[in-house]
C-alpha cells in the first residue's frame, strides 16, 4: 500500500492548485487591462494637449517670419511634439498609433514604447500637421510589479487556507475522530452497545445512526450464534457420550466377526473428532462468556515442564527433539486452567504439524512465550487463527486449537504472533 494522505489535505491541495492557476492566469489579464486603461488615458491626454496647442498658437499675433521662428523653437524645446506644414490642402482625420524606438542617448539595445497622435490643426488660416508622442512605461516593469503583487497575495491566500483549514477542521472533525476512537475500542465479545458523540453536522449524525444500526445488528447476530453454538454443544454432549459407550459395548461383544469389529472400530475416529470439536466449542463459549474465575499468580516455568512431561509420549512417537530456553521464575497473573489450555494447544500444534525427527524450541521470558517447530513453508497467517481452519489435511485436528489460543490471549489483552523464520514455524504470545 502506498503512502496515505489525510482527507483534510486533499481539498487544501485542490484549493491551492486552483488558486495558483487562477492567480497565474490573472497576471497577463491584469497586464492587458492596465495597459489598455493606460493607453486610453494617454490618448485622452494627447487629445487635450493637441487642443491646447491649437488654441494657444491661434492666440498669438505673429507675422510669417516670427511664426516660422516660433515653430522652429517649439520643435526644439518640445521633443514630444512636432509641428510641420501640411502637405495636404484639406484636414484629415486624426490617427492614433504605438511605436517602439531606441532611447535617445542610450545603448542600441534599449527600446522605448511611445503612444502617438497624428492630427491636423489650423493656425492663422493655414493647415499644419501636429504629431504628439508620449512615453509608455516599460512593459516588463509593469509585468514584474503585477507578478510580485500576485505572488504576495498567493502566499497570503495560501497561509490563510492552511490556518483556517486547521482551525476549522479541528472543530468540524472532532465528532468524527471521537467516533473513530470508540469504534477502535469496541469489542463485539462484550455485546455492549456503543455510545457515540452527538454532532450538529448532518453527515456525521447520519454516519452515527448507520453505525448504531450496524452494531446493533451485529451484536444480535453474534448473540444468536453464541447461543446456538452453546446450546448445540450442550445438547450434543449427552448423545455423543451415549454413542461412545454403545460402541465400546459393541467392541466387547465376542460374537462379532473380524470385519464387523473393524467396521465398529472405524467409527471411533470420527466420533472422537466430533467429541473433541464439541468439547472445544463448549470451552470457547465459556471463555467468551467469562465463566472462568479471576486470575492468580501462575508459575509459567513449572507449567511448561509439567506439560512437556505429559506430552513426552507424543514427542517420542515422532522422534521430535526439544530445545528449551526458559527463565527459572517467570510468573504471570491469569486463570491457571486457561493458561494451561493455551500452552497445551500450542505444544500439540507444534507436535502435530511437525515432521519425523523434527525439532521443537521453547523460549520463555517474563514478557513472552515462544514455541517453534520445524516446517517446510510458511502458513497463511490471515486464516491461521480462524475457527475450523487447519493448516494440514494429513494430521487429524478439530481446527479450533489456535482459535482457543487467540481467544484466551484476547481475554487478557495478550498478543499472539506467527512468523516463519529459518524453516521454523514460530508462535509467540506476548504478555
Protein backbone atom coordinates (compact mmCIF):
# COMPACT_ATOMS: atom_id res chain seq x y z
CA UNK A 1 0.00 0.00 0.00
CA UNK A 2 1.33 3.41 -0.96
CA UNK A 3 1.61 6.40 1.31
CA UNK A 4 -1.71 7.52 2.75
CA UNK A 5 -2.91 11.11 2.57
CA UNK A 6 -5.11 12.81 5.15
CA UNK A 7 -8.59 13.68 3.96
CA UNK A 8 -8.15 17.29 5.11
CA UNK A 9 -5.08 17.76 2.90
CA UNK A 10 -6.86 16.76 -0.30
CA UNK A 11 -9.20 19.78 -0.58
CA UNK A 12 -6.36 22.03 0.58
CA UNK A 13 -4.19 20.78 -2.29
CA UNK A 14 -7.05 21.27 -4.74
CA UNK A 15 -7.72 24.81 -3.45
CA UNK A 16 -4.01 25.63 -3.62
CA UNK A 17 -3.65 24.40 -7.21
CA UNK A 18 -6.84 26.19 -8.23
CA UNK A 19 -5.73 29.45 -6.59
CA UNK A 20 -2.29 29.15 -8.20
CA UNK A 21 -3.84 28.57 -11.63
CA UNK A 22 -6.26 31.49 -11.28
CA UNK A 23 -3.59 33.88 -9.99
CA UNK A 24 -1.12 32.78 -12.68
CA UNK A 25 -3.73 33.44 -15.37
CA UNK A 26 -4.56 36.77 -13.75
CA UNK A 27 -1.05 38.16 -14.35
CA UNK A 28 -1.41 38.60 -18.15
CA UNK A 29 -5.06 39.60 -17.70
CA UNK A 30 -4.08 42.31 -15.21
CA UNK A 31 -1.31 43.46 -17.53
CA UNK A 32 -3.55 43.78 -20.59
CA UNK A 33 -6.27 45.56 -18.57
CA UNK A 34 -3.79 48.03 -17.05
CA UNK A 35 -2.11 48.55 -20.41
CA UNK A 36 -5.47 49.14 -22.10
CA UNK A 37 -6.56 51.68 -19.46
CA UNK A 38 -3.17 53.39 -19.57
CA UNK A 39 -3.24 53.69 -23.38
CA UNK A 40 -6.74 55.21 -23.25
CA UNK A 41 -5.56 57.70 -20.63
CA UNK A 42 -2.60 58.64 -22.84
CA UNK A 43 -4.86 59.02 -25.86
CA UNK A 44 -7.11 61.39 -23.89
CA UNK A 45 -4.06 63.28 -22.65
CA UNK A 46 -2.69 63.64 -26.21
CA UNK A 47 -6.07 64.94 -27.36
CA UNK A 48 -6.07 67.56 -24.58
CA UNK A 49 -2.51 68.62 -25.48
CA UNK A 50 -3.49 68.90 -29.15
CA UNK A 51 -6.42 71.19 -28.33
CA UNK A 52 -4.28 73.35 -26.04
CA UNK A 53 -1.56 73.71 -28.69
CA UNK A 54 -4.07 74.68 -31.38
CA UNK A 55 -5.81 77.16 -29.07
CA UNK A 56 -2.56 78.66 -27.78
CA UNK A 57 -1.00 79.12 -31.21
CA UNK A 58 -4.11 80.77 -32.59
CA UNK A 59 -4.00 83.35 -29.81
CA UNK A 60 -0.56 84.56 -30.99
CA UNK A 61 -0.37 87.54 -33.39
CA UNK A 62 2.80 86.97 -35.42
CA UNK A 63 3.98 87.70 -38.94
CA UNK A 64 5.20 84.91 -41.19
CA UNK A 65 8.85 85.27 -40.19
CA UNK A 66 8.07 85.29 -36.47
CA UNK A 67 5.70 82.39 -36.92
CA UNK A 68 8.39 80.32 -38.67
CA UNK A 69 10.83 81.06 -35.83
CA UNK A 70 8.21 80.14 -33.24
CA UNK A 71 7.50 76.79 -34.93
CA UNK A 72 11.23 76.00 -35.14
CA UNK A 73 11.74 76.93 -31.47
CA UNK A 74 8.72 74.84 -30.47
CA UNK A 75 10.06 71.74 -32.21
CA UNK A 76 13.42 72.13 -30.47
CA UNK A 77 12.10 72.75 -26.98
CA UNK A 78 9.19 70.26 -27.06
CA UNK A 79 10.69 66.89 -28.07
CA UNK A 80 7.40 65.08 -27.55
CA UNK A 81 5.63 67.17 -30.18
CA UNK A 82 6.33 68.18 -33.75
CA UNK A 83 4.59 70.81 -35.92
CA UNK A 84 5.06 70.74 -39.71
CA UNK A 85 3.33 72.48 -42.56
CA UNK A 86 0.76 70.13 -44.03
CA UNK A 87 1.29 68.67 -47.47
CA UNK A 88 -2.46 68.49 -47.90
CA UNK A 89 -4.85 71.33 -48.56
CA UNK A 90 -7.67 69.82 -46.50
CA UNK A 91 -7.67 68.49 -42.95
CA UNK A 92 -7.61 64.73 -42.40
CA UNK A 93 -8.93 62.59 -39.55
CA UNK A 94 -6.75 62.01 -36.51
CA UNK A 95 -4.85 58.73 -36.17
CA UNK A 96 -3.54 57.00 -33.03
CA UNK A 97 -0.52 54.72 -33.12
CA UNK A 98 2.04 52.91 -30.98
CA UNK A 99 5.70 52.89 -31.93
CA UNK A 100 8.81 51.33 -30.38
CA UNK A 101 12.12 53.08 -30.89
CA UNK A 102 15.54 53.31 -29.29
CA UNK A 103 16.11 55.55 -26.33
CA UNK A 104 17.91 58.76 -27.02
CA UNK A 105 21.45 58.87 -25.63
CA UNK A 106 21.29 55.16 -24.72
CA UNK A 107 22.58 51.84 -25.98
CA UNK A 108 21.15 50.48 -29.22
CA UNK A 109 19.55 47.59 -27.33
CA UNK A 110 17.44 49.84 -25.08
CA UNK A 111 14.00 50.41 -26.56
CA UNK A 112 11.04 52.52 -25.53
CA UNK A 113 7.36 52.35 -26.39
CA UNK A 114 5.52 55.53 -27.38
CA UNK A 115 1.84 56.28 -27.80
CA UNK A 116 1.30 58.81 -30.58
CA UNK A 117 -1.37 61.10 -32.03
CA UNK A 118 -1.21 62.30 -35.62
CA UNK A 119 -3.54 65.28 -36.13
CA UNK A 120 -4.09 68.33 -38.31
CA UNK A 121 -4.61 71.82 -36.88
CA UNK A 122 -5.40 75.22 -38.43
CA UNK A 123 -3.26 78.07 -37.23
CA UNK A 124 -3.88 81.56 -38.62
CA UNK A 125 -5.72 80.09 -41.58
CA UNK A 126 -3.03 77.59 -42.55
CA UNK A 127 -3.10 73.78 -42.12
CA UNK A 128 -0.35 72.18 -40.03
CA UNK A 129 0.44 68.53 -39.25
CA UNK A 130 0.84 68.01 -35.48
CA UNK A 131 2.50 64.89 -34.03
CA UNK A 132 2.36 64.23 -30.28
CA UNK A 133 4.18 61.25 -28.74
CA UNK A 134 4.34 60.28 -25.08
CA UNK A 135 6.41 57.58 -23.49
CA UNK A 136 4.58 54.46 -22.26
CA UNK A 137 6.03 52.79 -19.16
CA UNK A 138 8.23 49.77 -19.74
CA UNK A 139 6.05 46.66 -20.20
CA UNK A 140 8.36 44.30 -18.36
CA UNK A 141 8.38 46.60 -15.33
CA UNK A 142 4.58 46.51 -15.23
CA UNK A 143 4.53 42.72 -15.59
CA UNK A 144 7.12 42.34 -12.84
CA UNK A 145 5.16 44.59 -10.48
CA UNK A 146 1.91 42.73 -11.15
CA UNK A 147 3.63 39.33 -10.77
CA UNK A 148 5.24 40.40 -7.47
CA UNK A 149 1.90 41.57 -6.07
CA UNK A 150 0.19 38.39 -7.30
CA UNK A 151 2.81 36.15 -5.66
CA UNK A 152 2.47 38.12 -2.42
CA UNK A 153 -1.30 37.68 -2.42
CA UNK A 154 -0.92 33.99 -3.29
CA UNK A 155 1.33 33.47 -0.25
CA UNK A 156 -1.16 35.34 1.96
CA UNK A 157 -4.03 33.32 0.48
CA UNK A 158 -2.20 30.00 0.95
CA UNK A 159 -1.26 30.83 4.55
CA UNK A 160 -4.88 31.75 5.21
CA UNK A 161 -6.06 28.46 3.68
CA UNK A 162 -3.71 26.44 5.91
CA UNK A 163 -4.55 28.31 9.13
CA UNK A 164 -8.31 28.30 8.53
CA UNK A 165 -8.25 24.68 7.41
CA UNK A 166 -6.52 23.57 10.61
CA UNK A 167 -8.64 25.67 12.96
CA UNK A 168 -11.98 24.87 11.36
CA UNK A 169 -11.10 21.21 10.75
CA UNK A 170 -10.20 20.70 14.41
CA UNK A 171 -13.73 21.63 15.43
CA UNK A 172 -15.58 20.11 12.47
CA UNK A 173 -13.82 16.73 12.57
CA UNK A 174 -13.83 16.36 16.37
CA UNK A 175 -17.01 14.16 16.40
CA UNK A 176 -15.57 12.01 13.60
CA UNK A 177 -12.32 11.33 15.48
CA UNK A 178 -14.31 10.62 18.64
CA UNK A 179 -16.43 8.08 16.72
CA UNK A 180 -13.30 6.53 15.22
CA UNK A 181 -11.63 6.13 18.64
CA UNK A 182 -14.72 4.49 20.11
CA UNK A 183 -15.01 2.12 17.15
CA UNK A 184 -11.37 1.09 17.62
CA UNK A 185 -12.01 0.23 21.27
CA UNK A 186 -15.32 -1.52 20.55
CA UNK A 187 -15.32 -5.24 21.37
CA UNK A 188 -18.08 -7.39 19.89
CA UNK A 189 -17.47 -10.05 22.54
CA UNK A 190 -18.67 -7.67 25.25
CA UNK A 191 -22.03 -7.36 23.46
CA UNK A 192 -22.39 -3.81 24.77
CA UNK A 193 -23.87 -1.08 22.59
CA UNK A 194 -21.52 1.71 21.63
CA UNK A 195 -22.14 5.31 22.74
CA UNK A 196 -21.14 7.80 20.03
CA UNK A 197 -20.71 11.55 20.47
CA UNK A 198 -23.58 13.62 19.09
CA UNK A 199 -22.82 16.05 16.27
CA UNK A 200 -24.62 19.07 14.81
CA UNK A 201 -23.22 18.16 11.38
CA UNK A 202 -25.81 16.27 9.37
CA UNK A 203 -23.41 13.88 7.61
CA UNK A 204 -21.68 12.83 10.86
CA UNK A 205 -25.01 12.30 12.61
CA UNK A 206 -26.17 10.13 9.68
CA UNK A 207 -22.93 8.14 10.00
CA UNK A 208 -23.57 7.65 13.73
CA UNK A 209 -27.11 6.41 13.11
CA UNK A 210 -25.88 3.97 10.45
CA UNK A 211 -23.20 2.70 12.85
CA UNK A 212 -25.76 2.26 15.64
CA UNK A 213 -27.92 0.11 13.35
CA UNK A 214 -24.96 -1.90 12.04
CA UNK A 215 -23.52 -2.57 15.52
CA UNK A 216 -26.93 -3.48 16.97
CA UNK A 217 -27.48 -5.93 14.11
CA UNK A 218 -24.02 -7.48 14.56
CA UNK A 219 -24.50 -7.82 18.32
CA UNK A 220 -27.84 -9.55 17.74
CA UNK A 221 -26.37 -11.96 15.17
CA UNK A 222 -23.31 -12.62 17.36
CA UNK A 223 -25.51 -13.32 20.39
CA UNK A 224 -27.68 -15.72 18.38
CA UNK A 225 -24.62 -17.54 17.05
CA UNK A 226 -23.15 -17.87 20.55
CA UNK A 227 -26.42 -19.14 21.98
CA UNK A 228 -26.82 -21.63 19.14
CA UNK A 229 -23.23 -22.92 19.49
CA UNK A 230 -23.52 -23.20 23.26
CA UNK A 231 -26.95 -24.87 23.17
CA UNK A 232 -25.97 -27.22 20.35
CA UNK A 233 -22.79 -28.25 22.17
CA UNK A 234 -24.69 -28.91 25.40
CA UNK A 235 -27.37 -30.89 23.58
CA UNK A 236 -24.79 -32.97 21.68
CA UNK A 237 -22.73 -33.78 24.75
CA UNK A 238 -25.07 -36.48 26.14
CA UNK A 239 -25.86 -38.22 22.80
CA UNK A 240 -22.16 -38.36 21.95
CA UNK A 241 -21.33 -39.89 25.34
CA UNK A 242 -24.12 -42.46 24.91
CA UNK A 243 -22.98 -43.26 21.38
CA UNK A 244 -19.38 -43.76 22.50
CA UNK A 245 -20.42 -46.05 25.35
CA UNK A 246 -22.59 -48.12 22.97
CA UNK A 247 -19.67 -48.52 20.58
CA UNK A 248 -17.44 -49.61 23.46
CA UNK A 249 -20.05 -52.22 24.46
CA UNK A 250 -20.28 -53.50 20.89
CA UNK A 251 -16.49 -53.80 20.72
CA UNK A 252 -16.60 -56.09 23.77
CA UNK A 253 -19.11 -58.44 22.10
CA UNK A 254 -17.26 -61.72 21.40
CA UNK A 255 -19.77 -62.83 18.75
CA UNK A 256 -18.64 -60.10 16.32
CA UNK A 257 -16.80 -61.14 13.20
CA UNK A 258 -13.45 -59.58 12.33
CA UNK A 259 -14.96 -57.38 9.61
CA UNK A 260 -17.70 -56.21 11.98
CA UNK A 261 -15.12 -55.37 14.63
CA UNK A 262 -13.08 -53.35 12.11
CA UNK A 263 -16.21 -51.50 10.96
CA UNK A 264 -17.20 -50.59 14.51
CA UNK A 265 -13.62 -49.59 15.37
CA UNK A 266 -13.53 -47.27 12.34
CA UNK A 267 -16.46 -45.34 13.85
CA UNK A 268 -14.32 -44.37 16.83
CA UNK A 269 -12.10 -41.99 14.79
CA UNK A 270 -14.83 -39.60 13.51
CA UNK A 271 -16.72 -39.93 16.79
CA UNK A 272 -13.64 -38.89 18.77
CA UNK A 273 -13.14 -35.92 16.45
CA UNK A 274 -16.78 -34.82 16.84
CA UNK A 275 -16.48 -35.17 20.63
CA UNK A 276 -13.29 -33.11 20.62
CA UNK A 277 -14.88 -30.39 18.48
CA UNK A 278 -17.92 -30.31 20.76
CA UNK A 279 -15.69 -30.04 23.83
CA UNK A 280 -13.67 -27.21 22.28
CA UNK A 281 -16.81 -25.32 21.25
CA UNK A 282 -18.07 -25.51 24.81
CA UNK A 283 -14.69 -24.27 26.02
CA UNK A 284 -14.80 -21.31 23.61
CA UNK A 285 -18.32 -20.45 24.76
CA UNK A 286 -17.18 -20.48 28.40
CA UNK A 287 -14.19 -18.27 27.62
CA UNK A 288 -16.35 -15.79 25.68
CA UNK A 289 -18.92 -15.74 28.48
CA UNK A 290 -16.11 -15.20 31.02
CA UNK A 291 -17.16 -18.21 33.07
CA UNK A 292 -13.65 -18.82 34.40
CA UNK A 293 -12.52 -17.50 37.76
CA UNK A 294 -10.33 -14.44 38.18
CA UNK A 295 -6.58 -14.61 37.74
CA UNK A 296 -3.95 -15.96 40.10
CA UNK A 297 -0.17 -15.96 40.09
CA UNK A 298 0.90 -18.75 37.69
CA UNK A 299 4.44 -20.16 37.60
CA UNK A 300 4.99 -20.48 33.84
CA UNK A 301 8.35 -22.25 34.18
CA UNK A 302 6.78 -25.01 36.26
CA UNK A 303 3.75 -25.25 33.96
CA UNK A 304 5.90 -25.71 30.83
CA UNK A 305 7.94 -28.51 32.41
CA UNK A 306 4.85 -30.32 33.71
CA UNK A 307 3.12 -30.32 30.33
CA UNK A 308 6.25 -31.41 28.49
CA UNK A 309 6.34 -34.48 30.72
CA UNK A 310 2.66 -35.07 29.96
CA UNK A 311 3.30 -34.88 26.19
CA UNK A 312 6.51 -36.92 26.25
CA UNK A 313 4.80 -39.90 24.61
CA UNK A 314 3.65 -37.75 21.68
CA UNK A 315 7.16 -36.39 21.24
CA UNK A 316 8.68 -39.86 21.33
CA UNK A 317 6.20 -41.16 18.74
CA UNK A 318 7.55 -38.66 16.17
CA UNK A 319 11.10 -38.67 17.48
CA UNK A 320 10.97 -34.88 17.96
CA UNK A 321 13.76 -33.19 19.90
CA UNK A 322 13.01 -30.32 22.28
CA UNK A 323 15.28 -27.33 22.86
CA UNK A 324 14.36 -25.14 25.81
CA UNK A 325 15.44 -21.71 26.97
CA UNK A 326 13.26 -20.99 29.98
CA UNK A 327 13.66 -18.41 32.72
CA UNK A 328 13.65 -20.01 36.17
CA UNK A 329 11.00 -17.90 37.84
CA UNK A 330 8.55 -16.46 35.33
CA UNK A 331 5.12 -15.59 36.71
CA UNK A 332 2.01 -14.19 35.08
CA UNK A 333 -1.39 -13.32 36.53
CA UNK A 334 -4.18 -15.27 34.85
CA UNK A 335 -6.53 -18.23 35.31
CA UNK A 336 -4.27 -21.29 35.63
CA UNK A 337 -6.63 -23.60 33.71
CA UNK A 338 -6.84 -21.21 30.75
CA UNK A 339 -3.07 -20.72 30.65
CA UNK A 340 -2.55 -24.48 30.70
CA UNK A 341 -5.09 -24.97 27.89
CA UNK A 342 -3.30 -22.32 25.83
CA UNK A 343 0.11 -23.91 26.49
CA UNK A 344 -1.07 -27.46 25.67
CA UNK A 345 -2.73 -26.31 22.44
CA UNK A 346 0.47 -24.58 21.31
CA UNK A 347 2.58 -27.64 22.17
CA UNK A 348 0.17 -30.06 20.46
CA UNK A 349 0.11 -27.78 17.41
CA UNK A 350 3.93 -27.88 17.27
CA UNK A 351 3.93 -31.71 17.57
CA UNK A 352 1.09 -32.46 15.14
CA UNK A 353 2.35 -30.16 12.41
CA UNK A 354 5.97 -31.22 12.72
CA UNK A 355 7.62 -33.96 10.70
CA UNK A 356 9.53 -37.08 11.78
CA UNK A 357 12.84 -36.31 13.53
CA UNK A 358 11.87 -32.64 13.66
CA UNK A 359 12.77 -30.11 16.31
CA UNK A 360 10.73 -28.05 18.76
CA UNK A 361 12.02 -24.95 20.50
CA UNK A 362 10.50 -23.41 23.63
CA UNK A 363 11.56 -19.94 24.78
CA UNK A 364 10.08 -18.38 27.90
CA UNK A 365 10.78 -14.93 29.33
CA UNK A 366 8.83 -12.72 31.70
CA UNK A 367 7.45 -10.91 28.62
CA UNK A 368 6.69 -13.70 26.15
CA UNK A 369 6.29 -17.41 25.39
CA UNK A 370 7.52 -18.67 22.02
CA UNK A 371 7.03 -22.23 20.72
CA UNK A 372 8.59 -23.13 17.37
CA UNK A 373 8.63 -26.27 15.24
CA UNK A 374 10.37 -27.24 12.03
CA UNK A 375 8.48 -26.82 8.76
CA UNK A 376 8.93 -26.53 5.02
CA UNK A 377 6.87 -23.48 4.03
CA UNK A 378 5.07 -20.60 5.78
CA UNK A 379 1.40 -20.86 6.73
CA UNK A 380 -1.33 -18.43 5.69
CA UNK A 381 -1.31 -16.05 8.66
CA UNK A 382 -4.62 -14.38 7.70
CA UNK A 383 -6.64 -17.58 8.32
CA UNK A 384 -4.39 -19.23 10.90
CA UNK A 385 -6.42 -18.30 13.99
CA UNK A 386 -9.87 -18.70 12.45
CA UNK A 387 -12.16 -21.49 13.59
CA UNK A 388 -12.22 -24.82 11.72
CA UNK A 389 -9.18 -23.82 9.62
CA UNK A 390 -6.45 -26.46 9.59
CA UNK A 391 -3.03 -25.98 8.05
CA UNK A 392 -2.62 -29.68 7.22
CA UNK A 393 -5.06 -32.26 5.89
CA UNK A 394 -2.80 -35.16 6.77
CA UNK A 395 -2.97 -34.54 10.53
CA UNK A 396 -6.31 -35.02 12.32
CA UNK A 397 -7.32 -31.77 14.02
CA UNK A 398 -10.51 -30.03 15.12
CA UNK A 399 -9.34 -26.72 13.66
CA UNK A 400 -10.11 -24.96 16.95
CA UNK A 401 -6.80 -25.18 18.84
CA UNK A 402 -5.30 -21.90 17.65
CA UNK A 403 -8.70 -20.19 17.83
CA UNK A 404 -8.82 -21.13 21.53
CA UNK A 405 -5.27 -19.77 21.98
CA UNK A 406 -6.34 -16.50 20.33
CA UNK A 407 -9.49 -16.24 22.49
CA UNK A 408 -7.56 -16.82 25.73
CA UNK A 409 -4.93 -14.25 24.71
CA UNK A 410 -7.68 -11.77 23.83
CA UNK A 411 -9.24 -12.21 27.28
CA UNK A 412 -6.02 -10.98 28.94
CA UNK A 413 -5.06 -8.42 26.24
CA UNK A 414 -2.10 -10.53 25.16
CA UNK A 415 -0.88 -10.56 21.59
CA UNK A 416 -0.37 -13.73 19.52
CA UNK A 417 2.12 -13.56 16.62
CA UNK A 418 3.15 -16.00 13.91
CA UNK A 419 6.39 -15.92 11.91
CA UNK A 420 8.22 -18.37 9.65
CA UNK A 421 11.95 -17.94 10.26
CA UNK A 422 14.76 -20.24 9.08
CA UNK A 423 12.36 -23.14 8.36
CA UNK A 424 10.71 -22.82 11.78
CA UNK A 425 7.03 -22.04 12.43
CA UNK A 426 7.18 -19.61 15.34
CA UNK A 427 4.15 -18.88 17.55
CA UNK A 428 4.64 -16.20 20.20
CA UNK A 429 2.36 -15.00 22.99
CA UNK A 430 3.36 -11.54 24.22
CA UNK A 431 2.21 -10.97 27.80
